[in-house]
Amino acid sequence: MAKTNPFEFIQQVRSEVEKVTWPTGRETLITTVMVIIMAFVAAIFFFLADRVFSTLVGIALGIGN
């Protein structure tokens, strides 16, 4: 593989960075809020699933109410 000198490498990196479509502030905010909401929903789901399974295991082992 041919070696590239540091100056050429920096030029290539700048050229590639110019091709990137960066998200707007609004898009970033909306995406962040959606991630937080989905994390909250997932936490609730796993909490409820854990409660159901622990109750079922307790009943199966005869230690449940």
C-alpha atoms as a PDB file:
ATOM      1  CA  MET A   1       0.000   0.000   0.000  1.00  0.00           C
ATOM      2  CA  ALA A   2       1.436   3.371  -1.039  1.00  0.00           C
ATOM      3  CA  LYS A   3       2.210   5.800   1.752  1.00  0.00           C
ATOM      4  CA  THR A   4       0.586   9.227   1.696  1.00  0.00           C
ATOM      5  CA  ASN A   5       2.378  12.198   3.112  1.00  0.00           C
ATOM      6  CA  PRO A   6       0.631  14.062   5.947  1.00  0.00           C
ATOM      7  CA  PHE A   7      -0.265  17.095   3.799  1.00  0.00           C
ATOM      8  CA  GLU A   8      -2.045  14.948   1.187  1.00  0.00           C
ATOM      9  CA  PHE A   9      -3.791  12.999   3.933  1.00  0.00           C
ATOM     10  CA  ILE A  10      -5.186  16.191   5.493  1.00  0.00           C
ATOM     11  CA  GLN A  11      -6.377  17.366   2.072  1.00  0.00           C
ATOM     12  CA  GLN A  12      -8.133  14.045   1.493  1.00  0.00           C
ATOM     13  CA  VAL A  13      -9.761  14.155   4.919  1.00  0.00           C
ATOM     14  CA  ARG A  14     -11.038  17.696   4.324  1.00  0.00           C
ATOM     15  CA  SER A  15     -12.381  16.639   0.929  1.00  0.00           C
ATOM     16  CA  GLU A  16     -14.284  13.721   2.476  1.00  0.00           C
ATOM     17  CA  VAL A  17     -15.624  15.834   5.360  1.00  0.00           C
ATOM     18  CA  GLU A  18     -17.086  18.296   2.839  1.00  0.00           C
ATOM     19  CA  LYS A  19     -19.139  15.423   1.360  1.00  0.00           C
ATOM     20  CA  VAL A  20     -20.798  14.642   4.701  1.00  0.00           C
ATOM     21  CA  THR A  21     -24.383  15.786   5.156  1.00  0.00           C
ATOM     22  CA  TRP A  22     -24.457  17.085   8.715  1.00  0.00           C
ATOM     23  CA  PRO A  23     -27.767  17.118  10.596  1.00  0.00           C
ATOM     24  CA  THR A  24     -29.353  20.429  11.498  1.00  0.00           C
ATOM     25  CA  GLY A  25     -29.793  21.442  15.107  1.00  0.00           C
ATOM     26  CA  ARG A  26     -33.509  20.656  14.859  1.00  0.00           C
ATOM     27  CA  GLU A  27     -32.837  17.164  13.483  1.00  0.00           C
ATOM     28  CA  THR A  28     -30.335  16.526  16.271  1.00  0.00           C
ATOM     29  CA  LEU A  29     -32.822  17.676  18.915  1.00  0.00           C
ATOM     30  CA  ILE A  30     -35.648  15.527  17.513  1.00  0.00           C
ATOM     31  CA  THR A  31     -33.387  12.473  17.309  1.00  0.00           C
ATOM     32  CA  THR A  32     -32.147  13.023  20.867  1.00  0.00           C
ATOM     33  CA  VAL A  33     -35.701  13.296  22.213  1.00  0.00           C
ATOM     34  CA  MET A  34     -36.717  10.136  20.342  1.00  0.00           C
ATOM     35  CA  VAL A  35     -33.770   8.207  21.814  1.00  0.00           C
ATOM     36  CA  ILE A  36     -34.700   9.329  25.330  1.00  0.00           C
ATOM     37  CA  ILE A  37     -38.347   8.350  24.800  1.00  0.00           C
ATOM     38  CA  MET A  38     -37.415   4.939  23.392  1.00  0.00           C
ATOM     39  CA  ALA A  39     -35.002   4.302  26.283  1.00  0.00           C
ATOM     40  CA  PHE A  40     -37.810   5.142  28.729  1.00  0.00           C
ATOM     41  CA  VAL A  41     -40.255   2.839  26.913  1.00  0.00           C
ATOM     42  CA  ALA A  42     -37.678   0.029  26.865  1.00  0.00           C
ATOM     43  CA  ALA A  43     -36.992   0.507  30.594  1.00  0.00           C
ATOM     44  CA  ILE A  44     -40.711   0.262  31.383  1.00  0.00           C
ATOM     45  CA  PHE A  45     -41.097  -2.821  29.172  1.00  0.00           C
ATOM     46  CA  PHE A  46     -38.182  -4.651  30.807  1.00  0.00           C
ATOM     47  CA  PHE A  47     -39.338  -3.646  34.287  1.00  0.00           C
ATOM     48  CA  LEU A  48     -42.810  -5.079  33.598  1.00  0.00           C
ATOM     49  CA  ALA A  49     -41.383  -8.206  31.962  1.00  0.00           C
ATOM     50  CA  ASP A  50     -39.149  -8.748  34.989  1.00  0.00           C
ATOM     51  CA  ARG A  51     -42.099  -8.378  37.365  1.00  0.00           C
ATOM     52  CA  VAL A  52     -44.192 -10.858  35.341  1.00  0.00           C
ATOM     53  CA  PHE A  53     -41.402 -13.439  35.131  1.00  0.00           C
ATOM     54  CA  SER A  54     -40.474 -13.117  38.800  1.00  0.00           C
ATOM     55  CA  THR A  55     -44.129 -13.593  39.751  1.00  0.00           C
ATOM     56  CA  LEU A  56     -44.439 -16.645  37.497  1.00  0.00           C
ATOM     57  CA  VAL A  57     -41.240 -18.177  38.863  1.00  0.00           C
ATOM     58  CA  GLY A  58     -42.405 -17.474  42.408  1.00  0.00           C
ATOM     59  CA  ILE A  59     -45.718 -19.186  41.730  1.00  0.00           C
ATOM     60  CA  ALA A  60     -43.977 -22.140  40.041  1.00  0.00           C
ATOM     61  CA  LEU A  61     -41.644 -22.604  43.014  1.00  0.00           C
ATOM     62  CA  GLY A  62     -44.439 -22.146  45.510  1.00  0.00           C
ATOM     63  CA  ILE A  63     -42.969 -19.039  47.107  1.00  0.00           C
ATOM     64  CA  GLY A  64     -45.382 -16.549  45.568  1.00  0.00           C
ATOM     65  CA  ASN A  65     -48.390 -14.992  47.247  1.00  0.00           C
END
